[in-house]
């Protein structure tokens, strides 16, 4: 049974295997990558790889988890800044940062993401959903007028998961029908138009009193 790394040397070997997995998948794709390819890039024997991973699929699973963790690490420092922007600008800024993230290291993450998104990476996306929900809540706190919006939890769930699905679909498509910039603009416009419409609908009457919030 593969063992969990505990010593610093073991952790370094484990991390080297995962990093080698990213390099191999970016160069060869998931189908063309073998455990020997990964071990060679990591600078270890195949037997050493099997001390930590049962097969290449186990390496891919850890790569998916690490990819999601690094997306969260990228997003979390942006929360205070995004919370103060208009909702449309926040979406465009966030997706702009994500594009830069994907294009690091000669687009290694982008190529790996396209491969990984063909499998069940959705099973690992909960941490991303959590930080996006935090951004929504922080945004409402900094824009208290948006408390008038109806069904905030339900609509946040729809927009967050719909947005993730749209980005995943775009990244998975080798020839997407729209550019990433067009996707970003479309998502920002969709949410902005919804918020503007709801704010208009729930505007308090001129004579005072509260508008409908149910």
N, C-alpha and C. Protein backbone atom coordinates (compact mmCIF):
# COMPACT_ATOMS: atom_id res chain seq x y z
N UNK A 1 0.85 -1.20 0.00
CA UNK A 1 0.00 0.00 0.00
C UNK A 1 0.88 1.25 0.00
N UNK A 2 0.57 2.23 -0.86
CA UNK A 2 1.38 3.46 -0.90
C UNK A 2 1.39 4.14 0.46
N UNK A 3 2.52 4.74 0.80
CA UNK A 3 2.64 5.39 2.09
C UNK A 3 2.54 6.91 1.95
N UNK A 4 2.08 7.53 3.03
CA UNK A 4 1.98 8.98 3.07
C UNK A 4 3.34 9.56 3.46
N UNK A 5 3.78 10.60 2.75
CA UNK A 5 5.08 11.19 3.10
C UNK A 5 5.02 11.92 4.43
N UNK A 6 6.00 11.64 5.29
CA UNK A 6 6.04 12.30 6.60
C UNK A 6 7.34 13.08 6.79
N UNK A 7 8.45 12.49 6.38
CA UNK A 7 9.73 13.18 6.50
C UNK A 7 9.89 14.19 5.37
N UNK A 8 10.75 15.18 5.59
CA UNK A 8 10.95 16.23 4.58
C UNK A 8 11.43 15.64 3.25
N UNK A 9 12.31 14.64 3.33
CA UNK A 9 12.82 14.03 2.10
C UNK A 9 11.69 13.33 1.35
N UNK A 10 10.83 12.63 2.10
CA UNK A 10 9.71 11.93 1.47
C UNK A 10 8.74 12.93 0.84
N UNK A 11 8.49 14.05 1.55
CA UNK A 11 7.60 15.07 1.01
C UNK A 11 8.17 15.68 -0.26
N UNK A 12 9.48 15.87 -0.28
CA UNK A 12 10.13 16.42 -1.47
C UNK A 12 9.98 15.47 -2.66
N UNK A 13 10.15 14.17 -2.40
CA UNK A 13 9.98 13.18 -3.47
C UNK A 13 8.54 13.16 -3.96
N UNK A 14 7.60 13.18 -3.03
CA UNK A 14 6.17 13.19 -3.37
C UNK A 14 5.84 14.40 -4.25
N UNK A 15 6.31 15.58 -3.82
CA UNK A 15 6.05 16.80 -4.59
C UNK A 15 6.70 16.73 -5.97
N UNK A 16 7.90 16.15 -6.03
CA UNK A 16 8.59 16.02 -7.32
C UNK A 16 7.80 15.13 -8.27
N UNK A 17 7.17 14.09 -7.75
CA UNK A 17 6.36 13.20 -8.60
C UNK A 17 5.15 13.95 -9.15
N UNK A 18 4.48 14.71 -8.28
CA UNK A 18 3.30 15.47 -8.73
C UNK A 18 3.71 16.52 -9.76
N UNK A 19 4.80 17.21 -9.50
CA UNK A 19 5.28 18.21 -10.46
C UNK A 19 5.66 17.56 -11.77
N UNK A 20 6.30 16.39 -11.71
CA UNK A 20 6.65 15.67 -12.94
C UNK A 20 5.39 15.26 -13.69
N UNK A 21 4.34 14.93 -12.95
CA UNK A 21 3.07 14.60 -13.59
C UNK A 21 2.55 15.76 -14.42
N UNK A 22 2.62 16.97 -13.88
CA UNK A 22 2.19 18.15 -14.64
C UNK A 22 3.02 18.31 -15.92
N UNK A 23 4.31 18.14 -15.80
CA UNK A 23 5.18 18.30 -16.97
C UNK A 23 4.85 17.25 -18.02
N UNK A 24 4.68 16.01 -17.60
CA UNK A 24 4.40 14.93 -18.55
C UNK A 24 3.06 15.11 -19.24
N UNK A 25 2.04 15.45 -18.47
CA UNK A 25 0.71 15.62 -19.06
C UNK A 25 0.70 16.80 -20.03
N UNK A 26 1.41 17.87 -19.68
CA UNK A 26 1.48 19.02 -20.58
C UNK A 26 2.16 18.65 -21.89
N UNK A 27 3.14 17.76 -21.82
CA UNK A 27 3.90 17.38 -23.02
C UNK A 27 3.26 16.24 -23.80
N UNK A 28 2.66 15.27 -23.08
CA UNK A 28 2.22 14.03 -23.71
C UNK A 28 0.72 13.78 -23.65
N UNK A 29 0.02 14.53 -22.80
CA UNK A 29 -1.38 14.22 -22.55
C UNK A 29 -1.49 13.10 -21.53
N UNK A 30 -2.69 12.90 -20.99
CA UNK A 30 -2.88 11.88 -19.96
C UNK A 30 -2.71 10.48 -20.54
N UNK A 31 -3.26 10.24 -21.73
CA UNK A 31 -3.19 8.91 -22.32
C UNK A 31 -1.76 8.52 -22.66
N UNK A 32 -0.94 9.52 -23.05
CA UNK A 32 0.43 9.23 -23.46
C UNK A 32 1.43 9.21 -22.34
N UNK A 33 0.97 9.50 -21.12
CA UNK A 33 1.87 9.54 -19.96
C UNK A 33 1.85 8.20 -19.24
N UNK A 34 3.03 7.71 -18.88
CA UNK A 34 3.15 6.48 -18.09
C UNK A 34 3.83 6.80 -16.77
N UNK A 35 3.79 5.85 -15.86
CA UNK A 35 4.48 6.05 -14.59
C UNK A 35 5.99 6.15 -14.81
N UNK A 36 6.51 5.46 -15.82
CA UNK A 36 7.94 5.57 -16.10
C UNK A 36 8.30 6.97 -16.56
N UNK A 37 7.45 7.56 -17.42
CA UNK A 37 7.70 8.94 -17.86
C UNK A 37 7.76 9.87 -16.64
N UNK A 38 6.78 9.70 -15.74
CA UNK A 38 6.72 10.56 -14.56
C UNK A 38 7.95 10.35 -13.68
N UNK A 39 8.31 9.10 -13.47
CA UNK A 39 9.46 8.80 -12.62
C UNK A 39 10.74 9.37 -13.22
N UNK A 40 10.90 9.25 -14.54
CA UNK A 40 12.10 9.77 -15.20
C UNK A 40 12.22 11.28 -15.00
N UNK A 41 11.11 11.99 -15.19
CA UNK A 41 11.13 13.45 -15.01
C UNK A 41 11.42 13.81 -13.55
N UNK A 42 10.87 13.00 -12.63
CA UNK A 42 11.08 13.26 -11.20
C UNK A 42 12.48 12.88 -10.75
N UNK A 43 13.19 12.13 -11.58
CA UNK A 43 14.55 11.73 -11.24
C UNK A 43 14.61 10.59 -10.24
N UNK A 44 13.60 9.71 -10.29
CA UNK A 44 13.57 8.57 -9.39
C UNK A 44 13.26 7.31 -10.18
N UNK A 45 13.38 6.16 -9.55
CA UNK A 45 13.00 4.91 -10.19
C UNK A 45 11.50 4.71 -10.10
N UNK A 46 10.97 3.86 -10.99
CA UNK A 46 9.53 3.59 -10.96
C UNK A 46 9.13 2.97 -9.63
N UNK A 47 10.00 2.13 -9.09
CA UNK A 47 9.69 1.52 -7.79
C UNK A 47 9.49 2.56 -6.70
N UNK A 48 10.27 3.63 -6.75
CA UNK A 48 10.11 4.70 -5.76
C UNK A 48 8.78 5.41 -5.93
N UNK A 49 8.35 5.56 -7.18
CA UNK A 49 7.04 6.19 -7.43
C UNK A 49 5.93 5.35 -6.81
N UNK A 50 6.05 4.02 -6.97
CA UNK A 50 5.00 3.15 -6.45
C UNK A 50 4.98 3.10 -4.92
N UNK A 51 6.00 3.64 -4.28
CA UNK A 51 5.95 3.74 -2.83
C UNK A 51 4.89 4.75 -2.38
N UNK A 52 4.57 5.71 -3.27
CA UNK A 52 3.64 6.78 -2.92
C UNK A 52 2.33 6.73 -3.71
N UNK A 53 2.34 6.15 -4.89
CA UNK A 53 1.17 6.13 -5.75
C UNK A 53 0.97 4.73 -6.35
N UNK A 54 -0.27 4.26 -6.37
CA UNK A 54 -0.53 2.91 -6.88
C UNK A 54 -0.41 2.85 -8.40
N UNK A 55 -0.69 3.96 -9.10
CA UNK A 55 -0.66 3.99 -10.56
C UNK A 55 -0.64 5.45 -11.01
N UNK A 56 -0.65 5.65 -12.32
CA UNK A 56 -0.59 7.02 -12.81
C UNK A 56 -1.88 7.77 -12.51
N UNK A 57 -3.01 7.05 -12.44
CA UNK A 57 -4.28 7.70 -12.13
C UNK A 57 -4.25 8.33 -10.74
N UNK A 58 -3.55 7.70 -9.81
CA UNK A 58 -3.41 8.26 -8.47
C UNK A 58 -2.59 9.55 -8.51
N UNK A 59 -1.60 9.59 -9.39
CA UNK A 59 -0.83 10.83 -9.57
C UNK A 59 -1.74 11.91 -10.15
N UNK A 60 -2.55 11.55 -11.15
CA UNK A 60 -3.46 12.52 -11.77
C UNK A 60 -4.45 13.07 -10.75
N UNK A 61 -4.91 12.20 -9.84
CA UNK A 61 -5.85 12.65 -8.82
C UNK A 61 -5.21 13.70 -7.92
N UNK A 62 -3.96 13.46 -7.51
CA UNK A 62 -3.29 14.43 -6.67
C UNK A 62 -3.00 15.72 -7.44
N UNK A 63 -2.73 15.61 -8.74
CA UNK A 63 -2.53 16.80 -9.56
C UNK A 63 -3.80 17.65 -9.59
N UNK A 64 -4.97 16.98 -9.72
CA UNK A 64 -6.24 17.71 -9.74
C UNK A 64 -6.45 18.44 -8.42
N UNK A 65 -6.15 17.76 -7.32
CA UNK A 65 -6.31 18.39 -6.01
C UNK A 65 -5.36 19.58 -5.85
N UNK A 66 -4.14 19.42 -6.33
CA UNK A 66 -3.17 20.51 -6.20
C UNK A 66 -3.56 21.69 -7.09
N UNK A 67 -4.05 21.40 -8.30
CA UNK A 67 -4.50 22.46 -9.20
C UNK A 67 -5.59 23.29 -8.55
N UNK A 68 -6.59 22.61 -7.97
CA UNK A 68 -7.69 23.32 -7.30
C UNK A 68 -7.16 24.12 -6.12
N UNK A 69 -6.25 23.54 -5.34
CA UNK A 69 -5.69 24.24 -4.19
C UNK A 69 -4.95 25.50 -4.61
N UNK A 70 -4.25 25.43 -5.74
CA UNK A 70 -3.51 26.61 -6.20
C UNK A 70 -4.44 27.66 -6.78
N UNK A 71 -5.57 27.25 -7.36
CA UNK A 71 -6.58 28.22 -7.79
C UNK A 71 -7.11 28.97 -6.58
N UNK A 72 -7.40 28.25 -5.51
CA UNK A 72 -7.89 28.87 -4.28
C UNK A 72 -6.83 29.82 -3.71
N UNK A 73 -5.58 29.37 -3.70
CA UNK A 73 -4.48 30.21 -3.20
C UNK A 73 -4.35 31.48 -4.03
N UNK A 74 -4.60 31.38 -5.32
CA UNK A 74 -4.56 32.55 -6.20
C UNK A 74 -5.72 33.51 -5.91
N UNK A 75 -6.91 32.95 -5.62
CA UNK A 75 -8.10 33.77 -5.44
C UNK A 75 -8.17 34.46 -4.08
N UNK A 76 -7.76 33.77 -3.03
CA UNK A 76 -7.99 34.28 -1.68
C UNK A 76 -7.42 35.68 -1.42
N UNK A 77 -6.19 35.99 -1.86
CA UNK A 77 -5.69 37.35 -1.62
C UNK A 77 -6.45 38.43 -2.40
N UNK A 78 -7.21 38.02 -3.41
CA UNK A 78 -7.96 38.98 -4.22
C UNK A 78 -9.30 39.36 -3.60
N UNK A 79 -9.74 38.59 -2.60
CA UNK A 79 -11.09 38.79 -2.06
C UNK A 79 -11.36 40.23 -1.64
N UNK A 80 -10.49 40.88 -0.82
CA UNK A 80 -10.80 42.25 -0.40
C UNK A 80 -10.93 43.22 -1.58
N UNK A 81 -10.06 43.08 -2.57
CA UNK A 81 -10.11 43.97 -3.74
C UNK A 81 -11.37 43.71 -4.57
N UNK A 82 -11.67 42.45 -4.82
CA UNK A 82 -12.84 42.11 -5.63
C UNK A 82 -14.13 42.55 -4.94
N UNK A 83 -14.17 42.45 -3.62
CA UNK A 83 -15.38 42.79 -2.88
C UNK A 83 -15.76 44.26 -3.02
N UNK A 84 -14.77 45.11 -3.29
CA UNK A 84 -15.04 46.55 -3.39
C UNK A 84 -15.37 47.00 -4.81
N UNK A 85 -15.16 46.15 -5.79
CA UNK A 85 -15.45 46.50 -7.18
C UNK A 85 -16.93 46.35 -7.48
N UNK A 86 -17.36 46.91 -8.60
CA UNK A 86 -18.69 46.58 -9.10
C UNK A 86 -18.70 45.10 -9.45
N UNK A 87 -19.87 44.49 -9.47
CA UNK A 87 -19.94 43.04 -9.69
C UNK A 87 -19.37 42.66 -11.05
N UNK A 88 -19.66 43.47 -12.07
CA UNK A 88 -19.13 43.16 -13.40
C UNK A 88 -17.62 43.26 -13.47
N UNK A 89 -17.07 44.33 -12.87
CA UNK A 89 -15.62 44.50 -12.87
C UNK A 89 -14.94 43.41 -12.06
N UNK A 90 -15.59 42.97 -10.97
CA UNK A 90 -15.02 41.91 -10.14
C UNK A 90 -14.91 40.61 -10.93
N UNK A 91 -15.95 40.28 -11.68
CA UNK A 91 -15.93 39.05 -12.47
C UNK A 91 -14.84 39.11 -13.54
N UNK A 92 -14.74 40.25 -14.22
CA UNK A 92 -13.73 40.38 -15.26
C UNK A 92 -12.32 40.33 -14.67
N UNK A 93 -12.12 40.98 -13.52
CA UNK A 93 -10.79 40.96 -12.88
C UNK A 93 -10.44 39.55 -12.43
N UNK A 94 -11.39 38.85 -11.83
CA UNK A 94 -11.13 37.50 -11.33
C UNK A 94 -10.79 36.55 -12.47
N UNK A 95 -11.55 36.59 -13.56
CA UNK A 95 -11.28 35.71 -14.68
C UNK A 95 -10.00 36.12 -15.41
N UNK A 96 -9.66 37.40 -15.35
CA UNK A 96 -8.39 37.84 -15.91
C UNK A 96 -7.21 37.25 -15.15
N UNK A 97 -7.29 37.26 -13.81
CA UNK A 97 -6.25 36.65 -12.99
C UNK A 97 -6.17 35.15 -13.26
N UNK A 98 -7.31 34.51 -13.46
CA UNK A 98 -7.33 33.08 -13.72
C UNK A 98 -6.65 32.77 -15.05
N UNK A 99 -6.87 33.63 -16.04
CA UNK A 99 -6.21 33.43 -17.34
C UNK A 99 -4.70 33.52 -17.20
N UNK A 100 -4.22 34.51 -16.44
CA UNK A 100 -2.78 34.64 -16.20
C UNK A 100 -2.25 33.39 -15.49
N UNK A 101 -3.00 32.92 -14.51
CA UNK A 101 -2.61 31.72 -13.77
C UNK A 101 -2.46 30.51 -14.70
N UNK A 102 -3.41 30.34 -15.61
CA UNK A 102 -3.37 29.20 -16.53
C UNK A 102 -2.22 29.27 -17.51
N UNK A 103 -1.78 30.47 -17.82
CA UNK A 103 -0.74 30.64 -18.83
C UNK A 103 0.68 30.66 -18.28
N UNK A 104 0.83 30.45 -16.97
CA UNK A 104 2.17 30.39 -16.39
C UNK A 104 2.94 29.20 -16.93
N UNK A 105 4.24 29.30 -16.87
CA UNK A 105 5.12 28.17 -17.24
C UNK A 105 4.77 27.58 -18.60
N UNK A 106 4.77 28.46 -19.61
CA UNK A 106 4.50 28.02 -20.99
C UNK A 106 3.17 27.30 -21.12
N UNK A 107 2.15 27.82 -20.43
CA UNK A 107 0.78 27.29 -20.50
C UNK A 107 0.69 25.85 -19.98
N UNK A 108 1.57 25.48 -19.08
CA UNK A 108 1.53 24.11 -18.54
C UNK A 108 0.20 23.83 -17.86
N UNK A 109 -0.26 24.77 -17.03
CA UNK A 109 -1.52 24.58 -16.34
C UNK A 109 -2.69 24.52 -17.32
N UNK A 110 -2.64 25.36 -18.35
CA UNK A 110 -3.72 25.36 -19.32
C UNK A 110 -3.81 24.02 -20.04
N UNK A 111 -2.66 23.49 -20.47
CA UNK A 111 -2.67 22.21 -21.16
C UNK A 111 -3.10 21.08 -20.22
N UNK A 112 -2.65 21.13 -18.98
CA UNK A 112 -3.06 20.10 -18.02
C UNK A 112 -4.54 20.23 -17.68
N UNK A 113 -5.02 21.47 -17.57
CA UNK A 113 -6.44 21.67 -17.27
C UNK A 113 -7.31 21.09 -18.36
N UNK A 114 -6.93 21.30 -19.60
CA UNK A 114 -7.72 20.76 -20.70
C UNK A 114 -7.77 19.24 -20.64
N UNK A 115 -6.68 18.62 -20.24
CA UNK A 115 -6.67 17.16 -20.08
C UNK A 115 -7.49 16.75 -18.87
N UNK A 116 -7.27 17.41 -17.75
CA UNK A 116 -7.93 17.02 -16.49
C UNK A 116 -9.43 17.23 -16.55
N UNK A 117 -9.87 18.25 -17.28
CA UNK A 117 -11.30 18.55 -17.33
C UNK A 117 -12.08 17.52 -18.11
N UNK A 118 -11.37 16.62 -18.76
CA UNK A 118 -12.06 15.53 -19.45
C UNK A 118 -12.43 14.40 -18.49
N UNK A 119 -11.89 14.47 -17.28
CA UNK A 119 -12.25 13.50 -16.25
C UNK A 119 -13.08 14.23 -15.20
N UNK A 120 -13.24 13.61 -14.04
CA UNK A 120 -14.17 14.15 -13.05
C UNK A 120 -13.50 15.14 -12.10
N UNK A 121 -12.90 16.20 -12.65
CA UNK A 121 -12.28 17.20 -11.77
C UNK A 121 -13.34 17.94 -10.97
N UNK A 122 -14.59 17.88 -11.44
CA UNK A 122 -15.67 18.53 -10.69
C UNK A 122 -15.76 18.00 -9.27
N UNK A 123 -15.31 16.76 -9.08
CA UNK A 123 -15.34 16.18 -7.74
C UNK A 123 -14.40 16.90 -6.78
N UNK A 124 -13.48 17.69 -7.30
CA UNK A 124 -12.49 18.36 -6.46
C UNK A 124 -12.72 19.87 -6.38
N UNK A 125 -13.82 20.36 -6.97
CA UNK A 125 -14.00 21.80 -7.13
C UNK A 125 -14.61 22.50 -5.94
N UNK A 126 -15.02 21.77 -4.89
CA UNK A 126 -15.69 22.40 -3.77
C UNK A 126 -14.89 23.54 -3.14
N UNK A 127 -13.56 23.42 -2.96
CA UNK A 127 -12.82 24.56 -2.39
C UNK A 127 -12.92 25.83 -3.24
N UNK A 128 -12.98 25.68 -4.57
CA UNK A 128 -13.15 26.85 -5.44
C UNK A 128 -14.54 27.45 -5.24
N UNK A 129 -15.56 26.59 -5.18
CA UNK A 129 -16.92 27.08 -4.94
C UNK A 129 -17.00 27.82 -3.61
N UNK A 130 -16.31 27.32 -2.61
CA UNK A 130 -16.33 27.94 -1.29
C UNK A 130 -15.72 29.34 -1.33
N UNK A 131 -14.58 29.51 -1.97
CA UNK A 131 -13.95 30.84 -2.01
C UNK A 131 -14.75 31.80 -2.88
N UNK A 132 -15.40 31.31 -3.94
CA UNK A 132 -16.25 32.18 -4.75
C UNK A 132 -17.48 32.63 -3.96
N UNK A 133 -18.03 31.74 -3.14
CA UNK A 133 -19.15 32.12 -2.28
C UNK A 133 -18.71 33.18 -1.27
N UNK A 134 -17.49 33.04 -0.76
CA UNK A 134 -16.95 34.04 0.16
C UNK A 134 -16.84 35.39 -0.53
N UNK A 135 -16.41 35.41 -1.78
CA UNK A 135 -16.31 36.66 -2.53
C UNK A 135 -17.68 37.31 -2.66
N UNK A 136 -18.71 36.51 -2.95
CA UNK A 136 -20.07 37.04 -3.06
C UNK A 136 -20.51 37.66 -1.74
N UNK A 137 -20.30 36.95 -0.63
CA UNK A 137 -20.73 37.46 0.67
C UNK A 137 -19.98 38.74 1.05
N UNK A 138 -18.67 38.76 0.78
CA UNK A 138 -17.89 39.97 1.06
C UNK A 138 -18.35 41.13 0.18
N UNK A 139 -18.72 40.81 -1.05
CA UNK A 139 -19.19 41.85 -1.96
C UNK A 139 -20.49 42.46 -1.45
N UNK A 140 -21.39 41.64 -0.97
CA UNK A 140 -22.65 42.15 -0.43
C UNK A 140 -22.40 43.01 0.81
N UNK A 141 -21.45 42.60 1.64
CA UNK A 141 -21.12 43.39 2.83
C UNK A 141 -20.59 44.77 2.47
N UNK A 142 -19.83 44.85 1.37
CA UNK A 142 -19.28 46.14 0.95
C UNK A 142 -20.24 46.94 0.08
N UNK A 143 -21.31 46.31 -0.34
CA UNK A 143 -22.34 46.99 -1.14
C UNK A 143 -23.69 46.68 -0.51
N UNK A 144 -23.97 47.25 0.67
CA UNK A 144 -25.18 46.88 1.42
C UNK A 144 -26.48 47.11 0.67
N UNK A 145 -26.45 47.99 -0.34
CA UNK A 145 -27.66 48.18 -1.14
C UNK A 145 -28.08 46.90 -1.84
N UNK A 146 -27.12 45.99 -2.04
CA UNK A 146 -27.44 44.72 -2.71
C UNK A 146 -28.17 43.74 -1.80
N UNK A 147 -28.33 44.11 -0.52
CA UNK A 147 -29.14 43.28 0.35
C UNK A 147 -30.59 43.26 -0.10
N UNK A 148 -30.96 44.22 -0.95
CA UNK A 148 -32.33 44.24 -1.48
C UNK A 148 -32.55 43.18 -2.55
N UNK A 149 -31.47 42.58 -3.06
CA UNK A 149 -31.61 41.56 -4.09
C UNK A 149 -32.36 40.36 -3.52
N UNK A 150 -33.23 39.79 -4.32
CA UNK A 150 -33.99 38.63 -3.88
C UNK A 150 -33.19 37.34 -4.08
N UNK A 151 -33.42 36.38 -3.21
CA UNK A 151 -32.88 35.03 -3.35
C UNK A 151 -31.36 35.03 -3.57
N UNK A 152 -30.63 35.78 -2.74
CA UNK A 152 -29.17 35.88 -2.91
C UNK A 152 -28.49 34.51 -2.86
N UNK A 153 -28.79 33.65 -1.87
CA UNK A 153 -28.11 32.34 -1.84
C UNK A 153 -28.39 31.51 -3.10
N UNK A 154 -29.65 31.48 -3.53
CA UNK A 154 -30.01 30.66 -4.70
C UNK A 154 -29.35 31.20 -5.96
N UNK A 155 -29.41 32.51 -6.16
CA UNK A 155 -28.84 33.09 -7.37
C UNK A 155 -27.32 33.00 -7.36
N UNK A 156 -26.70 33.12 -6.18
CA UNK A 156 -25.25 32.97 -6.08
C UNK A 156 -24.86 31.56 -6.48
N UNK A 157 -25.61 30.58 -6.00
CA UNK A 157 -25.34 29.18 -6.35
C UNK A 157 -25.43 28.98 -7.86
N UNK A 158 -26.47 29.53 -8.47
CA UNK A 158 -26.67 29.37 -9.92
C UNK A 158 -25.55 30.04 -10.70
N UNK A 159 -25.22 31.27 -10.35
CA UNK A 159 -24.20 32.01 -11.10
C UNK A 159 -22.81 31.40 -10.90
N UNK A 160 -22.49 31.00 -9.67
CA UNK A 160 -21.16 30.43 -9.40
C UNK A 160 -20.98 29.12 -10.15
N UNK A 161 -21.95 28.22 -10.00
CA UNK A 161 -21.81 26.92 -10.65
C UNK A 161 -21.99 27.01 -12.16
N UNK A 162 -22.87 27.91 -12.61
CA UNK A 162 -23.01 28.13 -14.05
C UNK A 162 -21.75 28.72 -14.64
N UNK A 163 -21.11 29.65 -13.90
CA UNK A 163 -19.87 30.24 -14.38
C UNK A 163 -18.75 29.23 -14.44
N UNK A 164 -18.63 28.40 -13.39
CA UNK A 164 -17.60 27.35 -13.38
C UNK A 164 -17.81 26.40 -14.56
N UNK A 165 -19.05 26.00 -14.79
CA UNK A 165 -19.35 25.09 -15.90
C UNK A 165 -18.96 25.72 -17.23
N UNK A 166 -19.27 27.01 -17.40
CA UNK A 166 -18.94 27.68 -18.66
C UNK A 166 -17.44 27.75 -18.89
N UNK A 167 -16.68 28.07 -17.84
CA UNK A 167 -15.23 28.15 -17.96
C UNK A 167 -14.65 26.77 -18.24
N UNK A 168 -15.16 25.75 -17.53
CA UNK A 168 -14.70 24.38 -17.73
C UNK A 168 -14.95 23.94 -19.17
N UNK A 169 -16.16 24.22 -19.67
CA UNK A 169 -16.50 23.85 -21.04
C UNK A 169 -15.58 24.54 -22.03
N UNK A 170 -15.30 25.81 -21.79
CA UNK A 170 -14.43 26.59 -22.69
C UNK A 170 -13.03 26.00 -22.72
N UNK A 171 -12.49 25.69 -21.52
CA UNK A 171 -11.14 25.16 -21.45
C UNK A 171 -11.05 23.77 -22.05
N UNK A 172 -12.14 23.01 -21.97
CA UNK A 172 -12.14 21.64 -22.47
C UNK A 172 -12.25 21.57 -23.98
N UNK A 173 -12.71 22.64 -24.60
CA UNK A 173 -12.96 22.66 -26.04
C UNK A 173 -11.71 23.14 -26.77
N UNK A 174 -11.10 22.31 -27.62
CA UNK A 174 -9.90 22.75 -28.35
C UNK A 174 -10.19 23.87 -29.34
N UNK A 175 -11.43 23.99 -29.79
CA UNK A 175 -11.82 25.07 -30.70
C UNK A 175 -13.11 25.71 -30.21
N UNK A 176 -13.04 26.45 -29.10
CA UNK A 176 -14.26 27.04 -28.54
C UNK A 176 -14.89 28.05 -29.49
N UNK A 177 -16.23 28.16 -29.49
CA UNK A 177 -16.92 29.08 -30.42
C UNK A 177 -16.75 30.54 -30.06
N UNK A 178 -16.29 30.83 -28.84
CA UNK A 178 -16.05 32.21 -28.42
C UNK A 178 -14.66 32.29 -27.79
N UNK A 179 -14.10 33.48 -27.76
CA UNK A 179 -12.80 33.67 -27.11
C UNK A 179 -12.99 33.72 -25.59
N UNK A 180 -11.88 33.56 -24.87
CA UNK A 180 -11.95 33.65 -23.41
C UNK A 180 -12.41 35.05 -23.00
N UNK A 181 -11.95 36.07 -23.74
CA UNK A 181 -12.37 37.44 -23.44
C UNK A 181 -13.88 37.60 -23.63
N UNK A 182 -14.42 37.02 -24.70
CA UNK A 182 -15.86 37.10 -24.93
C UNK A 182 -16.63 36.36 -23.85
N UNK A 183 -16.10 35.23 -23.41
CA UNK A 183 -16.74 34.50 -22.31
C UNK A 183 -16.75 35.35 -21.04
N UNK A 184 -15.62 35.98 -20.75
CA UNK A 184 -15.52 36.83 -19.57
C UNK A 184 -16.52 37.97 -19.63
N UNK A 185 -16.57 38.65 -20.76
CA UNK A 185 -17.51 39.77 -20.92
C UNK A 185 -18.95 39.29 -20.78
N UNK A 186 -19.24 38.13 -21.37
CA UNK A 186 -20.60 37.61 -21.31
C UNK A 186 -21.04 37.27 -19.89
N UNK A 187 -20.16 36.61 -19.13
CA UNK A 187 -20.50 36.28 -17.76
C UNK A 187 -20.67 37.54 -16.91
N UNK A 188 -19.78 38.52 -17.10
CA UNK A 188 -19.89 39.77 -16.36
C UNK A 188 -21.18 40.50 -16.70
N UNK A 189 -21.52 40.55 -17.98
CA UNK A 189 -22.75 41.23 -18.40
C UNK A 189 -23.99 40.52 -17.85
N UNK A 190 -23.98 39.20 -17.88
CA UNK A 190 -25.14 38.44 -17.40
C UNK A 190 -25.44 38.76 -15.94
N UNK A 191 -24.42 38.72 -15.10
CA UNK A 191 -24.63 38.98 -13.68
C UNK A 191 -24.94 40.45 -13.44
N UNK A 192 -24.24 41.34 -14.14
CA UNK A 192 -24.48 42.78 -13.96
C UNK A 192 -25.90 43.16 -14.34
N UNK A 193 -26.39 42.60 -15.44
CA UNK A 193 -27.75 42.92 -15.88
C UNK A 193 -28.79 42.39 -14.90
N UNK A 194 -28.52 41.21 -14.35
CA UNK A 194 -29.44 40.66 -13.35
C UNK A 194 -29.50 41.57 -12.13
N UNK A 195 -28.32 41.97 -11.62
CA UNK A 195 -28.27 42.83 -10.44
C UNK A 195 -28.96 44.16 -10.72
N UNK A 196 -28.69 44.77 -11.88
CA UNK A 196 -29.31 46.06 -12.21
C UNK A 196 -30.82 45.93 -12.29
N UNK A 197 -31.30 44.86 -12.89
CA UNK A 197 -32.75 44.67 -13.01
C UNK A 197 -33.40 44.49 -11.64
N UNK A 198 -32.75 43.69 -10.79
CA UNK A 198 -33.30 43.46 -9.46
C UNK A 198 -33.26 44.72 -8.61
N UNK A 199 -32.20 45.49 -8.73
CA UNK A 199 -32.12 46.75 -7.97
C UNK A 199 -33.21 47.71 -8.41
N UNK A 200 -33.50 47.74 -9.70
CA UNK A 200 -34.58 48.58 -10.20
C UNK A 200 -35.93 48.08 -9.68
N UNK A 201 -36.11 46.77 -9.68
CA UNK A 201 -37.39 46.18 -9.27
C UNK A 201 -37.66 46.41 -7.79
N UNK A 202 -36.61 46.41 -6.98
CA UNK A 202 -36.78 46.54 -5.54
C UNK A 202 -36.50 47.96 -5.04
N UNK A 203 -36.44 48.91 -5.96
CA UNK A 203 -36.19 50.30 -5.56
C UNK A 203 -37.34 50.78 -4.68
N UNK A 204 -37.04 51.38 -3.51
CA UNK A 204 -38.11 51.88 -2.65
C UNK A 204 -38.94 52.93 -3.38
N UNK A 205 -40.24 52.98 -3.14
CA UNK A 205 -41.08 53.99 -3.78
C UNK A 205 -40.67 55.39 -3.37
N UNK A 206 -41.00 56.36 -4.22
CA UNK A 206 -40.57 57.73 -3.99
C UNK A 206 -41.06 58.28 -2.67
N UNK A 207 -42.21 57.82 -2.22
CA UNK A 207 -42.78 58.34 -0.97
C UNK A 207 -42.21 57.71 0.27
N UNK A 208 -41.23 56.81 0.11
CA UNK A 208 -40.63 56.15 1.27
C UNK A 208 -41.13 54.72 1.37
N UNK A 209 -40.66 54.01 2.34
CA UNK A 209 -41.06 52.62 2.53
C UNK A 209 -40.10 51.69 1.84
N UNK A 210 -40.28 50.44 2.04
CA UNK A 210 -39.36 49.45 1.50
C UNK A 210 -39.99 48.73 0.31
N UNK A 211 -39.16 48.36 -0.63
CA UNK A 211 -39.64 47.60 -1.78
C UNK A 211 -39.72 46.14 -1.42
N UNK A 212 -40.26 45.33 -2.31
CA UNK A 212 -40.38 43.89 -2.02
C UNK A 212 -39.02 43.21 -1.98
N UNK A 213 -38.83 42.39 -0.99
CA UNK A 213 -37.55 41.68 -0.86
C UNK A 213 -37.75 40.17 -0.83
N UNK A 214 -38.97 39.72 -0.87
CA UNK A 214 -39.22 38.28 -0.77
C UNK A 214 -38.92 37.59 -2.08
